[in-house]
Amino acid sequence: MNLFGRTIGAEEIASLAFLLMALVIWGAAWRGERNWSRWFRRWEADRKARREAEMAGDQGRDPPGAPRGPWG
């Protein structure tokens, strides 16, 4: 097989295949890390909002972002 004017043997094909597999595995790991990071940020923001609402309720104030008036 020729690629760019160079004959490619079995070793080169195998190394390209392994390189491609490593790239796919790295991409999957990166995507999982990114999803975990997004989940954690969302969880932390929700936890903070719940805590602030709880503290505001304990002090007798409306929680931040609470609807005001009869129509919200």
PDB file of N, CA and C in Angstrom:
ATOM      1  N   MET A   1       0.845  -1.166   0.000  1.00  0.00           N
ATOM      2  CA  MET A   1       0.000   0.000   0.000  1.00  0.00           C
ATOM      3  C   MET A   1       0.897   1.239   0.000  1.00  0.00           C
ATOM      4  N   ASN A   2       0.540   2.228  -0.797  1.00  0.00           N
ATOM      5  CA  ASN A   2       1.287   3.477  -0.864  1.00  0.00           C
ATOM      6  C   ASN A   2       0.483   4.604  -0.244  1.00  0.00           C
ATOM      7  N   LEU A   3       1.175   5.421   0.531  1.00  0.00           N
ATOM      8  CA  LEU A   3       0.562   6.602   1.116  1.00  0.00           C
ATOM      9  C   LEU A   3       1.574   7.729   1.023  1.00  0.00           C
ATOM     10  N   PHE A   4       1.239   8.764   0.274  1.00  0.00           N
ATOM     11  CA  PHE A   4       2.124   9.899   0.048  1.00  0.00           C
ATOM     12  C   PHE A   4       3.465   9.450  -0.549  1.00  0.00           C
ATOM     13  N   GLY A   5       3.426   8.486  -1.442  1.00  0.00           N
ATOM     14  CA  GLY A   5       4.629   8.016  -2.102  1.00  0.00           C
ATOM     15  C   GLY A   5       5.505   7.123  -1.255  1.00  0.00           C
ATOM     16  N   ARG A   6       4.995   6.670  -0.130  1.00  0.00           N
ATOM     17  CA  ARG A   6       5.775   5.809   0.760  1.00  0.00           C
ATOM     18  C   ARG A   6       5.036   4.493   0.917  1.00  0.00           C
ATOM     19  N   THR A   7       5.754   3.405   0.848  1.00  0.00           N
ATOM     20  CA  THR A   7       5.151   2.095   1.027  1.00  0.00           C
ATOM     21  C   THR A   7       4.904   1.857   2.509  1.00  0.00           C
ATOM     22  N   ILE A   8       3.692   1.488   2.821  1.00  0.00           N
ATOM     23  CA  ILE A   8       3.316   1.269   4.219  1.00  0.00           C
ATOM     24  C   ILE A   8       3.119  -0.232   4.419  1.00  0.00           C
ATOM     25  N   GLY A   9       3.797  -0.749   5.424  1.00  0.00           N
ATOM     26  CA  GLY A   9       3.696  -2.168   5.743  1.00  0.00           C
ATOM     27  C   GLY A   9       2.742  -2.415   6.894  1.00  0.00           C
ATOM     28  N   ALA A  10       2.748  -3.650   7.355  1.00  0.00           N
ATOM     29  CA  ALA A  10       1.837  -4.062   8.435  1.00  0.00           C
ATOM     30  C   ALA A  10       2.140  -3.319   9.731  1.00  0.00           C
ATOM     31  N   GLU A  11       3.410  -3.100  10.033  1.00  0.00           N
ATOM     32  CA  GLU A  11       3.759  -2.400  11.277  1.00  0.00           C
ATOM     33  C   GLU A  11       3.235  -0.971  11.283  1.00  0.00           C
ATOM     34  N   GLU A  12       3.354  -0.288  10.171  1.00  0.00           N
ATOM     35  CA  GLU A  12       2.876   1.092  10.106  1.00  0.00           C
ATOM     36  C   GLU A  12       1.357   1.156  10.201  1.00  0.00           C
ATOM     37  N   ILE A  13       0.690   0.202   9.541  1.00  0.00           N
ATOM     38  CA  ILE A  13      -0.783   0.164   9.608  1.00  0.00           C
ATOM     39  C   ILE A  13      -1.232  -0.120  11.036  1.00  0.00           C
ATOM     40  N   ALA A  14      -0.567  -1.059  11.703  1.00  0.00           N
ATOM     41  CA  ALA A  14      -0.917  -1.378  13.089  1.00  0.00           C
ATOM     42  C   ALA A  14      -0.673  -0.173  13.996  1.00  0.00           C
ATOM     43  N   SER A  15       0.441   0.517  13.797  1.00  0.00           N
ATOM     44  CA  SER A  15       0.714   1.676  14.648  1.00  0.00           C
ATOM     45  C   SER A  15      -0.304   2.789  14.405  1.00  0.00           C
ATOM     46  N   LEU A  16      -0.727   2.990  13.166  1.00  0.00           N
ATOM     47  CA  LEU A  16      -1.770   3.980  12.893  1.00  0.00           C
ATOM     48  C   LEU A  16      -3.094   3.585  13.539  1.00  0.00           C
ATOM     49  N   ALA A  17      -3.412   2.292  13.502  1.00  0.00           N
ATOM     50  CA  ALA A  17      -4.651   1.815  14.127  1.00  0.00           C
ATOM     51  C   ALA A  17      -4.606   2.021  15.640  1.00  0.00           C
ATOM     52  N   PHE A  18      -3.474   1.704  16.256  1.00  0.00           N
ATOM     53  CA  PHE A  18      -3.353   1.897  17.700  1.00  0.00           C
ATOM     54  C   PHE A  18      -3.378   3.377  18.063  1.00  0.00           C
ATOM     55  N   LEU A  19      -2.787   4.217  17.241  1.00  0.00           N
ATOM     56  CA  LEU A  19      -2.825   5.652  17.476  1.00  0.00           C
ATOM     57  C   LEU A  19      -4.256   6.173  17.391  1.00  0.00           C
ATOM     58  N   LEU A  20      -5.000   5.681  16.417  1.00  0.00           N
ATOM     59  CA  LEU A  20      -6.396   6.078  16.289  1.00  0.00           C
ATOM     60  C   LEU A  20      -7.218   5.602  17.494  1.00  0.00           C
ATOM     61  N   MET A  21      -6.967   4.380  17.955  1.00  0.00           N
ATOM     62  CA  MET A  21      -7.676   3.879  19.137  1.00  0.00           C
ATOM     63  C   MET A  21      -7.339   4.722  20.369  1.00  0.00           C
ATOM     64  N   ALA A  22      -6.068   5.101  20.512  1.00  0.00           N
ATOM     65  CA  ALA A  22      -5.678   5.939  21.651  1.00  0.00           C
ATOM     66  C   ALA A  22      -6.383   7.287  21.583  1.00  0.00           C
ATOM     67  N   LEU A  23      -6.508   7.830  20.389  1.00  0.00           N
ATOM     68  CA  LEU A  23      -7.208   9.105  20.223  1.00  0.00           C
ATOM     69  C   LEU A  23      -8.686   8.980  20.603  1.00  0.00           C
ATOM     70  N   VAL A  24      -9.313   7.901  20.207  1.00  0.00           N
ATOM     71  CA  VAL A  24     -10.727   7.670  20.545  1.00  0.00           C
ATOM     72  C   VAL A  24     -10.889   7.517  22.050  1.00  0.00           C
ATOM     73  N   ILE A  25     -10.005   6.755  22.684  1.00  0.00           N
ATOM     74  CA  ILE A  25     -10.089   6.564  24.139  1.00  0.00           C
ATOM     75  C   ILE A  25      -9.862   7.889  24.860  1.00  0.00           C
ATOM     76  N   TRP A  26      -8.891   8.681  24.400  1.00  0.00           N
ATOM     77  CA  TRP A  26      -8.631   9.973  25.018  1.00  0.00           C
ATOM     78  C   TRP A  26      -9.850  10.881  24.873  1.00  0.00           C
ATOM     79  N   GLY A  27     -10.473  10.876  23.708  1.00  0.00           N
ATOM     80  CA  GLY A  27     -11.664  11.701  23.490  1.00  0.00           C
ATOM     81  C   GLY A  27     -12.809  11.292  24.392  1.00  0.00           C
ATOM     82  N   ALA A  28     -13.000   9.986  24.582  1.00  0.00           N
ATOM     83  CA  ALA A  28     -14.066   9.509  25.462  1.00  0.00           C
ATOM     84  C   ALA A  28     -13.784   9.899  26.914  1.00  0.00           C
ATOM     85  N   ALA A  29     -12.538   9.778  27.328  1.00  0.00           N
ATOM     86  CA  ALA A  29     -12.189  10.160  28.699  1.00  0.00           C
ATOM     87  C   ALA A  29     -12.375  11.656  28.904  1.00  0.00           C
ATOM     88  N   TRP A  30     -11.985  12.463  27.918  1.00  0.00           N
ATOM     89  CA  TRP A  30     -12.146  13.909  28.018  1.00  0.00           C
ATOM     90  C   TRP A  30     -13.615  14.281  28.096  1.00  0.00           C
ATOM     91  N   ARG A  31     -14.437  13.616  27.280  1.00  0.00           N
ATOM     92  CA  ARG A  31     -15.877  13.903  27.296  1.00  0.00           C
ATOM     93  C   ARG A  31     -16.485  13.538  28.649  1.00  0.00           C
ATOM     94  N   GLY A  32     -16.083  12.399  29.211  1.00  0.00           N
ATOM     95  CA  GLY A  32     -16.583  12.009  30.525  1.00  0.00           C
ATOM     96  C   GLY A  32     -16.179  12.991  31.605  1.00  0.00           C
ATOM     97  N   GLU A  33     -14.945  13.468  31.553  1.00  0.00           N
ATOM     98  CA  GLU A  33     -14.481  14.458  32.525  1.00  0.00           C
ATOM     99  C   GLU A  33     -15.252  15.762  32.378  1.00  0.00           C
ATOM    100  N   ARG A  34     -15.494  16.177  31.150  1.00  0.00           N
ATOM    101  CA  ARG A  34     -16.248  17.408  30.905  1.00  0.00           C
ATOM    102  C   ARG A  34     -17.677  17.266  31.421  1.00  0.00           C
ATOM    103  N   ASN A  35     -18.318  16.128  31.175  1.00  0.00           N
ATOM    104  CA  ASN A  35     -19.687  15.921  31.661  1.00  0.00           C
ATOM    105  C   ASN A  35     -19.733  15.894  33.181  1.00  0.00           C
ATOM    106  N   TRP A  36     -18.728  15.257  33.810  1.00  0.00           N
ATOM    107  CA  TRP A  36     -18.693  15.211  35.263  1.00  0.00           C
ATOM    108  C   TRP A  36     -18.526  16.615  35.828  1.00  0.00           C
ATOM    109  N   SER A  37     -17.673  17.400  35.213  1.00  0.00           N
ATOM    110  CA  SER A  37     -17.438  18.763  35.666  1.00  0.00           C
ATOM    111  C   SER A  37     -18.716  19.601  35.545  1.00  0.00           C
ATOM    112  N   ARG A  38     -19.422  19.455  34.450  1.00  0.00           N
ATOM    113  CA  ARG A  38     -20.697  20.186  34.281  1.00  0.00           C
ATOM    114  C   ARG A  38     -21.713  19.752  35.325  1.00  0.00           C
ATOM    115  N   TRP A  39     -21.797  18.440  35.574  1.00  0.00           N
ATOM    116  CA  TRP A  39     -22.739  17.937  36.567  1.00  0.00           C
ATOM    117  C   TRP A  39     -22.406  18.505  37.937  1.00  0.00           C
ATOM    118  N   PHE A  40     -21.111  18.493  38.281  1.00  0.00           N
ATOM    119  CA  PHE A  40     -20.716  18.976  39.598  1.00  0.00           C
ATOM    120  C   PHE A  40     -21.021  20.456  39.755  1.00  0.00           C
ATOM    121  N   ARG A  41     -20.757  21.279  38.757  1.00  0.00           N
ATOM    122  CA  ARG A  41     -21.065  22.707  38.845  1.00  0.00           C
ATOM    123  C   ARG A  41     -22.567  22.934  39.026  1.00  0.00           C
ATOM    124  N   ARG A  42     -23.377  22.177  38.276  1.00  0.00           N
ATOM    125  CA  ARG A  42     -24.835  22.314  38.396  1.00  0.00           C
ATOM    126  C   ARG A  42     -25.295  21.887  39.794  1.00  0.00           C
ATOM    127  N   TRP A  43     -24.731  20.780  40.291  1.00  0.00           N
ATOM    128  CA  TRP A  43     -25.101  20.293  41.615  1.00  0.00           C
ATOM    129  C   TRP A  43     -24.724  21.315  42.686  1.00  0.00           C
ATOM    130  N   GLU A  44     -23.533  21.878  42.565  1.00  0.00           N
ATOM    131  CA  GLU A  44     -23.063  22.867  43.543  1.00  0.00           C
ATOM    132  C   GLU A  44     -23.943  24.118  43.521  1.00  0.00           C
ATOM    133  N   ALA A  45     -24.332  24.572  42.335  1.00  0.00           N
ATOM    134  CA  ALA A  45     -25.197  25.745  42.235  1.00  0.00           C
ATOM    135  C   ALA A  45     -26.578  25.448  42.833  1.00  0.00           C
ATOM    136  N   ASP A  46     -27.121  24.268  42.570  1.00  0.00           N
ATOM    137  CA  ASP A  46     -28.415  23.899  43.146  1.00  0.00           C
ATOM    138  C   ASP A  46     -28.330  23.803  44.667  1.00  0.00           C
ATOM    139  N   ARG A  47     -27.239  23.231  45.161  1.00  0.00           N
ATOM    140  CA  ARG A  47     -27.066  23.102  46.605  1.00  0.00           C
ATOM    141  C   ARG A  47     -26.965  24.483  47.251  1.00  0.00           C
ATOM    142  N   LYS A  48     -26.242  25.387  46.617  1.00  0.00           N
ATOM    143  CA  LYS A  48     -26.109  26.740  47.147  1.00  0.00           C
ATOM    144  C   LYS A  48     -27.452  27.460  47.147  1.00  0.00           C
ATOM    145  N   ALA A  49     -28.229  27.293  46.076  1.00  0.00           N
ATOM    146  CA  ALA A  49     -29.547  27.936  45.997  1.00  0.00           C
ATOM    147  C   ALA A  49     -30.479  27.385  47.074  1.00  0.00           C
ATOM    148  N   ARG A  50     -30.440  26.066  47.292  1.00  0.00           N
ATOM    149  CA  ARG A  50     -31.283  25.483  48.344  1.00  0.00           C
ATOM    150  C   ARG A  50     -30.880  26.007  49.722  1.00  0.00           C
ATOM    151  N   ARG A  51     -29.569  26.098  49.937  1.00  0.00           N
ATOM    152  CA  ARG A  51     -29.075  26.575  51.230  1.00  0.00           C
ATOM    153  C   ARG A  51     -29.464  28.025  51.459  1.00  0.00           C
ATOM    154  N   GLU A  52     -29.338  28.867  50.425  1.00  0.00           N
ATOM    155  CA  GLU A  52     -29.727  30.276  50.567  1.00  0.00           C
ATOM    156  C   GLU A  52     -31.217  30.411  50.818  1.00  0.00           C
ATOM    157  N   ALA A  53     -32.024  29.610  50.136  1.00  0.00           N
ATOM    158  CA  ALA A  53     -33.473  29.660  50.348  1.00  0.00           C
ATOM    159  C   ALA A  53     -33.813  29.202  51.765  1.00  0.00           C
ATOM    160  N   GLU A  54     -33.108  28.191  52.244  1.00  0.00           N
ATOM    161  CA  GLU A  54     -33.354  27.709  53.605  1.00  0.00           C
ATOM    162  C   GLU A  54     -32.969  28.767  54.631  1.00  0.00           C
ATOM    163  N   MET A  55     -31.828  29.411  54.434  1.00  0.00           N
ATOM    164  CA  MET A  55     -31.399  30.462  55.366  1.00  0.00           C
ATOM    165  C   MET A  55     -32.346  31.653  55.313  1.00  0.00           C
ATOM    166  N   ALA A  56     -32.835  32.019  54.142  1.00  0.00           N
ATOM    167  CA  ALA A  56     -33.775  33.135  54.024  1.00  0.00           C
ATOM    168  C   ALA A  56     -35.089  32.778  54.703  1.00  0.00           C
ATOM    169  N   GLY A  57     -35.520  31.521  54.585  1.00  0.00           N
ATOM    170  CA  GLY A  57     -36.749  31.094  55.243  1.00  0.00           C
ATOM    171  C   GLY A  57     -36.612  31.096  56.755  1.00  0.00           C
ATOM    172  N   ASP A  58     -35.446  30.744  57.242  1.00  0.00           N
ATOM    173  CA  ASP A  58     -35.212  30.755  58.692  1.00  0.00           C
ATOM    174  C   ASP A  58     -35.219  32.171  59.238  1.00  0.00           C
ATOM    175  N   GLN A  59     -34.810  33.140  58.435  1.00  0.00           N
ATOM    176  CA  GLN A  59     -34.769  34.526  58.880  1.00  0.00           C
ATOM    177  C   GLN A  59     -36.075  35.258  58.584  1.00  0.00           C
ATOM    178  N   GLY A  60     -37.034  34.596  57.980  1.00  0.00           N
ATOM    179  CA  GLY A  60     -38.330  35.202  57.711  1.00  0.00           C
ATOM    180  C   GLY A  60     -38.355  36.066  56.469  1.00  0.00           C
ATOM    181  N   ARG A  61     -37.352  35.995  55.632  1.00  0.00           N
ATOM    182  CA  ARG A  61     -37.328  36.764  54.392  1.00  0.00           C
ATOM    183  C   ARG A  61     -37.744  35.862  53.240  1.00  0.00           C
ATOM    184  N   ASP A  62     -38.082  36.493  52.122  1.00  0.00           N
ATOM    185  CA  ASP A  62     -38.347  35.726  50.908  1.00  0.00           C
ATOM    186  C   ASP A  62     -37.021  35.246  50.336  1.00  0.00           C
ATOM    187  N   PRO A  63     -36.979  34.035  49.817  1.00  0.00           N
ATOM    188  CA  PRO A  63     -35.731  33.572  49.208  1.00  0.00           C
ATOM    189  C   PRO A  63     -35.407  34.375  47.951  1.00  0.00           C
ATOM    190  N   PRO A  64     -34.147  34.495  47.605  1.00  0.00           N
ATOM    191  CA  PRO A  64     -33.785  35.257  46.398  1.00  0.00           C
ATOM    192  C   PRO A  64     -34.428  34.647  45.159  1.00  0.00           C
ATOM    193  N   GLY A  65     -34.998  35.489  44.323  1.00  0.00           N
ATOM    194  CA  GLY A  65     -35.634  35.017  43.111  1.00  0.00           C
ATOM    195  C   GLY A  65     -37.043  34.501  43.325  1.00  0.00           C
ATOM    196  N   ALA A  66     -37.587  34.680  44.537  1.00  0.00           N
ATOM    197  CA  ALA A  66     -38.938  34.214  44.799  1.00  0.00           C
ATOM    198  C   ALA A  66     -39.947  35.123  44.096  1.00  0.00           C
ATOM    199  N   PRO A  67     -41.040  34.560  43.595  1.00  0.00           N
ATOM    200  CA  PRO A  67     -42.042  35.396  42.943  1.00  0.00           C
ATOM    201  C   PRO A  67     -42.689  36.366  43.941  1.00  0.00           C
ATOM    202  N   ARG A  68     -42.982  37.549  43.458  1.00  0.00           N
ATOM    203  CA  ARG A  68     -43.589  38.556  44.313  1.00  0.00           C
ATOM    204  C   ARG A  68     -44.943  38.951  43.722  1.00  0.00           C
ATOM    205  N   GLY A  69     -45.901  39.143  44.572  1.00  0.00           N
ATOM    206  CA  GLY A  69     -47.215  39.561  44.133  1.00  0.00           C
ATOM    207  C   GLY A  69     -48.109  38.381  43.776  1.00  0.00           C
ATOM    208  N   PRO A  70     -49.374  38.628  43.530  1.00  0.00           N
ATOM    209  CA  PRO A  70     -50.322  37.533  43.278  1.00  0.00           C
ATOM    210  C   PRO A  70     -50.096  36.828  41.952  1.00  0.00           C
ATOM    211  N   TRP A  71     -49.422  37.461  40.990  1.00  0.00           N
ATOM    212  CA  TRP A  71     -49.230  36.824  39.684  1.00  0.00           C
ATOM    213  C   TRP A  71     -47.814  36.311  39.493  1.00  0.00           C
ATOM    214  N   GLY A  72     -47.012  36.372  40.522  1.00  0.00           N
ATOM    215  CA  GLY A  72     -45.663  35.860  40.420  1.00  0.00           C
ATOM    216  C   GLY A  72     -44.795  36.915  39.935  1.00  0.00           C
TER     217      GLY A  72
END
